[in-house]
C-alpha atoms as a PDB file:
ATOM      1  CA  UNK A   1      15.618   7.339 -10.750  1.00  0.00           C
ATOM      2  CA  UNK A   2      19.060   8.010  -9.282  1.00  0.00           C
ATOM      3  CA  UNK A   3      17.665  10.887  -7.230  1.00  0.00           C
ATOM      4  CA  UNK A   4      14.646   8.896  -6.024  1.00  0.00           C
ATOM      5  CA  UNK A   5      16.855   5.955  -5.045  1.00  0.00           C
ATOM      6  CA  UNK A   6      19.230   8.000  -2.919  1.00  0.00           C
ATOM      7  CA  UNK A   7      18.248   5.756   0.006  1.00  0.00           C
ATOM      8  CA  UNK A   8      20.851   3.006   0.468  1.00  0.00           C
ATOM      9  CA  UNK A   9      19.319  -0.365  -0.517  1.00  0.00           C
ATOM     10  CA  UNK A  10      16.021   1.302  -1.435  1.00  0.00           C
ATOM     11  CA  UNK A  11      13.956  -0.056  -4.295  1.00  0.00           C
ATOM     12  CA  UNK A  12      11.345   1.373  -6.626  1.00  0.00           C
ATOM     13  CA  UNK A  13       8.603  -0.332  -8.646  1.00  0.00           C
ATOM     14  CA  UNK A  14       8.136   1.827 -11.732  1.00  0.00           C
ATOM     15  CA  UNK A  15       6.856   1.901 -15.289  1.00  0.00           C
ATOM     16  CA  UNK A  16       9.333   0.426 -17.758  1.00  0.00           C
ATOM     17  CA  UNK A  17      11.156   3.078 -19.781  1.00  0.00           C
ATOM     18  CA  UNK A  18      11.627   0.759 -22.768  1.00  0.00           C
ATOM     19  CA  UNK A  19       8.445  -1.361 -22.842  1.00  0.00           C
ATOM     20  CA  UNK A  20       5.235   0.656 -22.334  1.00  0.00           C
ATOM     21  CA  UNK A  21       2.703  -1.055 -20.085  1.00  0.00           C
ATOM     22  CA  UNK A  22       5.276  -3.126 -18.208  1.00  0.00           C
ATOM     23  CA  UNK A  23       6.835  -2.597 -14.787  1.00  0.00           C
ATOM     24  CA  UNK A  24      10.426  -2.765 -13.591  1.00  0.00           C
ATOM     25  CA  UNK A  25      12.188  -2.898 -10.246  1.00  0.00           C
ATOM     26  CA  UNK A  26      15.078  -0.503  -9.661  1.00  0.00           C
ATOM     27  CA  UNK A  27      17.211  -1.489  -6.674  1.00  0.00           C
ATOM     28  CA  UNK A  28      20.070   0.505  -5.173  1.00  0.00           C
ATOM     29  CA  UNK A  29      22.834  -1.588  -3.622  1.00  0.00           C
ATOM     30  CA  UNK A  30      26.492  -0.916  -2.851  1.00  0.00           C
ATOM     31  CA  UNK A  31      26.436   2.426  -4.650  1.00  0.00           C
ATOM     32  CA  UNK A  32      24.924   1.064  -7.881  1.00  0.00           C
ATOM     33  CA  UNK A  33      21.385   0.816  -9.245  1.00  0.00           C
ATOM     34  CA  UNK A  34      20.203  -2.489 -10.693  1.00  0.00           C
ATOM     35  CA  UNK A  35      17.119  -2.855 -12.892  1.00  0.00           C
ATOM     36  CA  UNK A  36      14.895  -5.933 -13.182  1.00  0.00           C
ATOM     37  CA  UNK A  37      11.992  -6.361 -15.607  1.00  0.00           C
ATOM     38  CA  UNK A  38       8.732  -7.591 -14.071  1.00  0.00           C
ATOM     39  CA  UNK A  39       7.201  -9.952 -16.601  1.00  0.00           C
ATOM     40  CA  UNK A  40       3.705 -11.441 -16.812  1.00  0.00           C
ATOM     41  CA  UNK A  41       2.820 -14.786 -18.361  1.00  0.00           C
ATOM     42  CA  UNK A  42      -0.291 -15.914 -20.239  1.00  0.00           C
ATOM     43  CA  UNK A  43      -2.005 -16.661 -16.908  1.00  0.00           C
ATOM     44  CA  UNK A  44      -1.409 -13.154 -15.593  1.00  0.00           C
ATOM     45  CA  UNK A  45       1.257 -14.245 -13.110  1.00  0.00           C
ATOM     46  CA  UNK A  46       4.178 -11.965 -12.285  1.00  0.00           C
ATOM     47  CA  UNK A  47       7.826 -12.995 -12.362  1.00  0.00           C
ATOM     48  CA  UNK A  48      11.384 -11.715 -12.498  1.00  0.00           C
ATOM     49  CA  UNK A  49      12.916 -15.173 -12.740  1.00  0.00           C
ATOM     50  CA  UNK A  50      11.050 -17.692 -14.915  1.00  0.00           C
ATOM     51  CA  UNK A  51      11.356 -20.317 -12.163  1.00  0.00           C
ATOM     52  CA  UNK A  52       9.314 -18.247  -9.677  1.00  0.00           C
ATOM     53  CA  UNK A  53       5.849 -16.923 -10.542  1.00  0.00           C
ATOM     54  CA  UNK A  54       3.340 -15.120  -8.363  1.00  0.00           C
ATOM     55  CA  UNK A  55      -0.372 -14.433  -8.588  1.00  0.00           C
ATOM     56  CA  UNK A  56       0.049 -10.796  -7.538  1.00  0.00           C
ATOM     57  CA  UNK A  57       2.708  -8.116  -7.662  1.00  0.00           C
ATOM     58  CA  UNK A  58       2.519  -7.832  -3.876  1.00  0.00           C
ATOM     59  CA  UNK A  59       3.425 -11.519  -3.486  1.00  0.00           C
ATOM     60  CA  UNK A  60       6.431 -11.076  -5.777  1.00  0.00           C
ATOM     61  CA  UNK A  61       7.704  -8.098  -3.780  1.00  0.00           C
ATOM     62  CA  UNK A  62       7.125  -9.873  -0.468  1.00  0.00           C
ATOM     63  CA  UNK A  63       9.017 -12.976  -1.650  1.00  0.00           C
ATOM     64  CA  UNK A  64      12.044 -10.922  -2.656  1.00  0.00           C
ATOM     65  CA  UNK A  65      11.963  -9.059   0.667  1.00  0.00           C
ATOM     66  CA  UNK A  66      12.803 -12.403   2.310  1.00  0.00           C
ATOM     67  CA  UNK A  67      15.053 -14.121  -0.243  1.00  0.00           C
ATOM     68  CA  UNK A  68      17.060 -12.681  -3.138  1.00  0.00           C
ATOM     69  CA  UNK A  69      16.433 -15.517  -5.649  1.00  0.00           C
ATOM     70  CA  UNK A  70      18.392 -13.855  -8.441  1.00  0.00           C
ATOM     71  CA  UNK A  71      18.333 -10.252  -7.221  1.00  0.00           C
ATOM     72  CA  UNK A  72      21.509  -8.593  -6.014  1.00  0.00           C
ATOM     73  CA  UNK A  73      19.904  -7.835  -2.631  1.00  0.00           C
ATOM     74  CA  UNK A  74      16.664  -8.167  -0.701  1.00  0.00           C
ATOM     75  CA  UNK A  75      13.876  -5.665  -1.393  1.00  0.00           C
ATOM     76  CA  UNK A  76      13.841  -3.986   2.019  1.00  0.00           C
ATOM     77  CA  UNK A  77      13.121  -0.261   1.702  1.00  0.00           C
ATOM     78  CA  UNK A  78      10.340   0.617  -0.756  1.00  0.00           C
ATOM     79  CA  UNK A  79      10.245   4.043  -2.376  1.00  0.00           C
ATOM     80  CA  UNK A  80       6.609   4.983  -2.901  1.00  0.00           C
ATOM     81  CA  UNK A  81       6.767   6.637  -6.329  1.00  0.00           C
ATOM     82  CA  UNK A  82       4.707   4.027  -8.143  1.00  0.00           C
ATOM     83  CA  UNK A  83       1.909   2.791  -5.901  1.00  0.00           C
ATOM     84  CA  UNK A  84       1.727  -0.976  -6.210  1.00  0.00           C
ATOM     85  CA  UNK A  85      -1.402  -1.555  -4.132  1.00  0.00           C
ATOM     86  CA  UNK A  86      -4.082   0.182  -2.086  1.00  0.00           C
ATOM     87  CA  UNK A  87      -3.562   0.385   1.642  1.00  0.00           C
ATOM     88  CA  UNK A  88      -4.541  -2.856   3.369  1.00  0.00           C
ATOM     89  CA  UNK A  89      -5.882  -0.767   6.225  1.00  0.00           C
ATOM     90  CA  UNK A  90      -7.202   2.755   5.924  1.00  0.00           C
ATOM     91  CA  UNK A  91      -4.467   5.353   5.469  1.00  0.00           C
ATOM     92  CA  UNK A  92      -5.715   7.220   8.537  1.00  0.00           C
ATOM     93  CA  UNK A  93      -5.617   4.058  10.659  1.00  0.00           C
ATOM     94  CA  UNK A  94      -4.216   5.213  14.003  1.00  0.00           C
ATOM     95  CA  UNK A  95      -2.289   1.945  14.321  1.00  0.00           C
ATOM     96  CA  UNK A  96      -0.307   2.386  11.101  1.00  0.00           C
ATOM     97  CA  UNK A  97       3.252   3.587  11.712  1.00  0.00           C
ATOM     98  CA  UNK A  98       6.099   4.302   9.280  1.00  0.00           C
ATOM     99  CA  UNK A  99       8.424   1.318   8.897  1.00  0.00           C
ATOM    100  CA  UNK A 100      11.361   3.738   9.113  1.00  0.00           C
ATOM    101  CA  UNK A 101      10.563   4.145  12.832  1.00  0.00           C
ATOM    102  CA  UNK A 102      11.312   0.458  13.480  1.00  0.00           C
ATOM    103  CA  UNK A 103      14.929  -0.718  13.813  1.00  0.00           C
ATOM    104  CA  UNK A 104      15.084  -4.520  13.724  1.00  0.00           C
ATOM    105  CA  UNK A 105      17.474  -6.236  16.143  1.00  0.00           C
ATOM    106  CA  UNK A 106      17.886  -9.895  17.036  1.00  0.00           C
ATOM    107  CA  UNK A 107      15.569 -12.726  16.058  1.00  0.00           C
ATOM    108  CA  UNK A 108      13.610 -14.079  19.028  1.00  0.00           C
ATOM    109  CA  UNK A 109      11.928 -17.070  17.431  1.00  0.00           C
ATOM    110  CA  UNK A 110       9.202 -18.167  15.065  1.00  0.00           C
ATOM    111  CA  UNK A 111       5.458 -17.869  15.362  1.00  0.00           C
ATOM    112  CA  UNK A 112       2.440 -19.249  13.528  1.00  0.00           C
ATOM    113  CA  UNK A 113       2.722 -16.760  10.691  1.00  0.00           C
ATOM    114  CA  UNK A 114       6.410 -15.933  10.642  1.00  0.00           C
ATOM    115  CA  UNK A 115       9.448 -14.868  12.590  1.00  0.00           C
ATOM    116  CA  UNK A 116       9.505 -12.657  15.675  1.00  0.00           C
ATOM    117  CA  UNK A 117      12.217 -10.064  16.279  1.00  0.00           C
ATOM    118  CA  UNK A 118      13.284  -7.739  19.033  1.00  0.00           C
ATOM    119  CA  UNK A 119      13.225  -4.213  17.633  1.00  0.00           C
ATOM    120  CA  UNK A 120      13.505  -0.582  18.658  1.00  0.00           C
ATOM    121  CA  UNK A 121      10.664   1.876  18.085  1.00  0.00           C
ATOM    122  CA  UNK A 122      12.899   4.853  17.479  1.00  0.00           C
ATOM    123  CA  UNK A 123      10.308   7.572  18.034  1.00  0.00           C
ATOM    124  CA  UNK A 124       9.845   6.516  21.668  1.00  0.00           C
ATOM    125  CA  UNK A 125      13.197   4.751  22.191  1.00  0.00           C
ATOM    126  CA  UNK A 126      11.082   1.750  23.176  1.00  0.00           C
ATOM    127  CA  UNK A 127      11.986  -1.931  22.808  1.00  0.00           C
ATOM    128  CA  UNK A 128       9.193  -3.804  21.025  1.00  0.00           C
ATOM    129  CA  UNK A 129       8.521  -7.179  19.418  1.00  0.00           C
ATOM    130  CA  UNK A 130       7.867  -7.409  15.670  1.00  0.00           C
ATOM    131  CA  UNK A 131       6.052 -10.275  13.953  1.00  0.00           C
ATOM    132  CA  UNK A 132       6.804 -10.715  10.264  1.00  0.00           C
ATOM    133  CA  UNK A 133       4.795 -12.675   7.709  1.00  0.00           C
ATOM    134  CA  UNK A 134       6.120 -16.087   6.659  1.00  0.00           C
ATOM    135  CA  UNK A 135       6.084 -16.470   2.883  1.00  0.00           C
ATOM    136  CA  UNK A 136       3.975 -19.630   3.009  1.00  0.00           C
ATOM    137  CA  UNK A 137       1.306 -18.155   5.276  1.00  0.00           C
ATOM    138  CA  UNK A 138      -1.871 -16.343   4.334  1.00  0.00           C
ATOM    139  CA  UNK A 139      -1.552 -12.573   4.195  1.00  0.00           C
ATOM    140  CA  UNK A 140      -5.262 -12.247   4.967  1.00  0.00           C
ATOM    141  CA  UNK A 141      -4.940 -14.342   8.166  1.00  0.00           C
ATOM    142  CA  UNK A 142      -1.909 -12.315   9.239  1.00  0.00           C
ATOM    143  CA  UNK A 143      -3.783  -9.048   8.788  1.00  0.00           C
ATOM    144  CA  UNK A 144      -6.881 -10.410  10.505  1.00  0.00           C
ATOM    145  CA  UNK A 145      -4.728 -11.212  13.552  1.00  0.00           C
ATOM    146  CA  UNK A 146      -3.660  -7.567  13.698  1.00  0.00           C
ATOM    147  CA  UNK A 147      -7.254  -6.438  13.258  1.00  0.00           C
ATOM    148  CA  UNK A 148      -8.409  -8.636  16.147  1.00  0.00           C
ATOM    149  CA  UNK A 149      -5.628  -7.383  18.426  1.00  0.00           C
ATOM    150  CA  UNK A 150      -6.796  -3.798  17.937  1.00  0.00           C
ATOM    151  CA  UNK A 151      -9.890  -4.547  20.010  1.00  0.00           C
ATOM    152  CA  UNK A 152      -8.170  -6.475  22.813  1.00  0.00           C
ATOM    153  CA  UNK A 153      -6.845  -4.581  25.824  1.00  0.00           C
ATOM    154  CA  UNK A 154      -6.092  -6.411  29.050  1.00  0.00           C
ATOM    155  CA  UNK A 155      -3.147  -6.165  31.476  1.00  0.00           C
ATOM    156  CA  UNK A 156      -2.393  -9.890  31.071  1.00  0.00           C
ATOM    157  CA  UNK A 157      -2.456  -9.982  27.260  1.00  0.00           C
ATOM    158  CA  UNK A 158       0.373  -8.860  24.980  1.00  0.00           C
ATOM    159  CA  UNK A 159      -0.739  -5.498  23.620  1.00  0.00           C
ATOM    160  CA  UNK A 160      -0.712  -4.382  20.012  1.00  0.00           C
ATOM    161  CA  UNK A 161       1.331  -1.196  19.548  1.00  0.00           C
ATOM    162  CA  UNK A 162       1.275  -0.676  15.796  1.00  0.00           C
ATOM    163  CA  UNK A 163       1.237  -2.160  12.304  1.00  0.00           C
ATOM    164  CA  UNK A 164       3.122  -1.695   9.036  1.00  0.00           C
ATOM    165  CA  UNK A 165       0.722  -2.843   6.319  1.00  0.00           C
ATOM    166  CA  UNK A 166       0.870  -0.311   3.510  1.00  0.00           C
ATOM    167  CA  UNK A 167       3.361  -2.454   1.574  1.00  0.00           C
ATOM    168  CA  UNK A 168       5.547  -5.531   2.170  1.00  0.00           C
ATOM    169  CA  UNK A 169       7.277  -6.667   4.265  1.00  0.00           C
ATOM    170  CA  UNK A 170       4.357  -6.540   6.721  1.00  0.00           C
ATOM    171  CA  UNK A 171       4.852  -6.056  10.469  1.00  0.00           C
ATOM    172  CA  UNK A 172       2.748  -6.452  13.592  1.00  0.00           C
ATOM    173  CA  UNK A 173       4.387  -4.522  16.446  1.00  0.00           C
ATOM    174  CA  UNK A 174       3.572  -5.586  20.006  1.00  0.00           C
ATOM    175  CA  UNK A 175       4.818  -5.220  23.546  1.00  0.00           C
ATOM    176  CA  UNK A 176       8.207  -6.811  24.161  1.00  0.00           C
ATOM    177  CA  UNK A 177       8.180  -9.511  26.852  1.00  0.00           C
ATOM    178  CA  UNK A 178      11.735  -9.485  28.290  1.00  0.00           C
ATOM    179  CA  UNK A 179      11.313 -12.804  30.122  1.00  0.00           C
ATOM    180  CA  UNK A 180       9.939 -14.680  27.108  1.00  0.00           C
ATOM    181  CA  UNK A 181       7.048 -17.117  27.323  1.00  0.00           C
ATOM    182  CA  UNK A 182       5.814 -18.211  30.744  1.00  0.00           C
ATOM    183  CA  UNK A 183       6.641 -21.882  30.162  1.00  0.00           C
ATOM    184  CA  UNK A 184      10.318 -21.139  29.463  1.00  0.00           C
ATOM    185  CA  UNK A 185      10.433 -18.717  32.386  1.00  0.00           C
ATOM    186  CA  UNK A 186       9.108 -21.363  34.781  1.00  0.00           C
ATOM    187  CA  UNK A 187      11.693 -23.871  33.543  1.00  0.00           C
ATOM    188  CA  UNK A 188      14.524 -21.397  34.171  1.00  0.00           C
ATOM    189  CA  UNK A 189      13.568 -20.394  37.704  1.00  0.00           C
ATOM    190  CA  UNK A 190      14.751 -22.327  40.779  1.00  0.00           C
ATOM    191  CA  UNK A 191      11.978 -24.334  42.425  1.00  0.00           C
ATOM    192  CA  UNK A 192      12.549 -22.417  45.642  1.00  0.00           C
ATOM    193  CA  UNK A 193      11.268 -19.257  43.935  1.00  0.00           C
ATOM    194  CA  UNK A 194       8.128 -20.903  42.581  1.00  0.00           C
ATOM    195  CA  UNK A 195       6.119 -21.155  45.757  1.00  0.00           C
ATOM    196  CA  UNK A 196       2.466 -22.127  45.722  1.00  0.00           C
ATOM    197  CA  UNK A 197       1.567 -18.481  46.309  1.00  0.00           C
ATOM    198  CA  UNK A 198       3.557 -17.346  43.254  1.00  0.00           C
ATOM    199  CA  UNK A 199       2.110 -20.088  41.046  1.00  0.00           C
ATOM    200  CA  UNK A 200      -1.452 -19.338  42.149  1.00  0.00           C
ATOM    201  CA  UNK A 201      -0.881 -15.658  41.397  1.00  0.00           C
ATOM    202  CA  UNK A 202       0.334 -16.514  37.880  1.00  0.00           C
ATOM    203  CA  UNK A 203      -2.580 -18.884  37.323  1.00  0.00           C
ATOM    204  CA  UNK A 204      -4.973 -16.153  38.391  1.00  0.00           C
ATOM    205  CA  UNK A 205      -3.506 -13.764  35.806  1.00  0.00           C
ATOM    206  CA  UNK A 206      -3.857 -16.376  33.058  1.00  0.00           C
ATOM    207  CA  UNK A 207      -7.443 -17.103  34.092  1.00  0.00           C
ATOM    208  CA  UNK A 208      -8.235 -13.388  34.109  1.00  0.00           C
ATOM    209  CA  UNK A 209      -6.954 -13.012  30.545  1.00  0.00           C
ATOM    210  CA  UNK A 210      -8.874 -16.074  29.333  1.00  0.00           C
ATOM    211  CA  UNK A 211     -12.067 -14.835  30.997  1.00  0.00           C
ATOM    212  CA  UNK A 212     -11.626 -11.535  29.171  1.00  0.00           C
ATOM    213  CA  UNK A 213     -11.169 -13.321  25.835  1.00  0.00           C
ATOM    214  CA  UNK A 214     -14.253 -15.454  26.469  1.00  0.00           C
ATOM    215  CA  UNK A 215     -16.296 -12.317  27.131  1.00  0.00           C
ATOM    216  CA  UNK A 216     -15.082 -11.035  23.750  1.00  0.00           C
ATOM    217  CA  UNK A 217     -16.100 -14.358  22.120  1.00  0.00           C
ATOM    218  CA  UNK A 218     -12.499 -15.418  21.457  1.00  0.00           C
ATOM    219  CA  UNK A 219     -10.828 -18.747  22.239  1.00  0.00           C
ATOM    220  CA  UNK A 220      -7.069 -19.211  22.705  1.00  0.00           C
ATOM    221  CA  UNK A 221      -6.340 -22.364  20.680  1.00  0.00           C
ATOM    222  CA  UNK A 222      -2.821 -23.089  21.959  1.00  0.00           C
ATOM    223  CA  UNK A 223      -2.710 -21.885  25.537  1.00  0.00           C
ATOM    224  CA  UNK A 224      -0.584 -24.765  26.853  1.00  0.00           C
ATOM    225  CA  UNK A 225       2.503 -24.026  24.725  1.00  0.00           C
ATOM    226  CA  UNK A 226       2.372 -20.285  24.190  1.00  0.00           C
ATOM    227  CA  UNK A 227       1.443 -18.591  27.438  1.00  0.00           C
ATOM    228  CA  UNK A 228       3.134 -15.175  27.651  1.00  0.00           C
END
């Protein structure tokens, strides 16, 4: 275990060495390795702390990737020795990228499913935006959003660049919009810059994107507040 957990702050879900049939979490932090038993109750729910129980092992891991709740550190860097779940997308999915290629930077805000961060895609030295899954939101809805974005390609829509879905925490990686949402951008600009010609040009781009979505049988449900 010490060799496998050579990665700083890495964690491993493994078979218990003392109780056959049970699982444990081994977490490396600050030069030490901490072990936590994963228990199951009579309803088949998983827990480390008796106050927090989860229907699936994946939900338990995801929760502790966001908040420690009794652990010495967040579960951030999984070591894939014991496979805890099948891939949520096919392994050969061209959109799937290694999480190690993404370096998270500053938080940009919150979205419908979770928080949004500025990040660096190290392979291409490219600034990107990363959506993360909020604990209270549906994993299935989050993954369906990524699946939908795979089929959408238009110059006036934020483009999907990649996904990290093999294990939590889950990421959707998209283009980074340096000026933020259009509404905030318009509020920041002097009125002298926002001529009727400029505004009509912007409106035309929005209309073009919405026409494209309509042709694909999609409807943008919150266009007024979230134009990008």
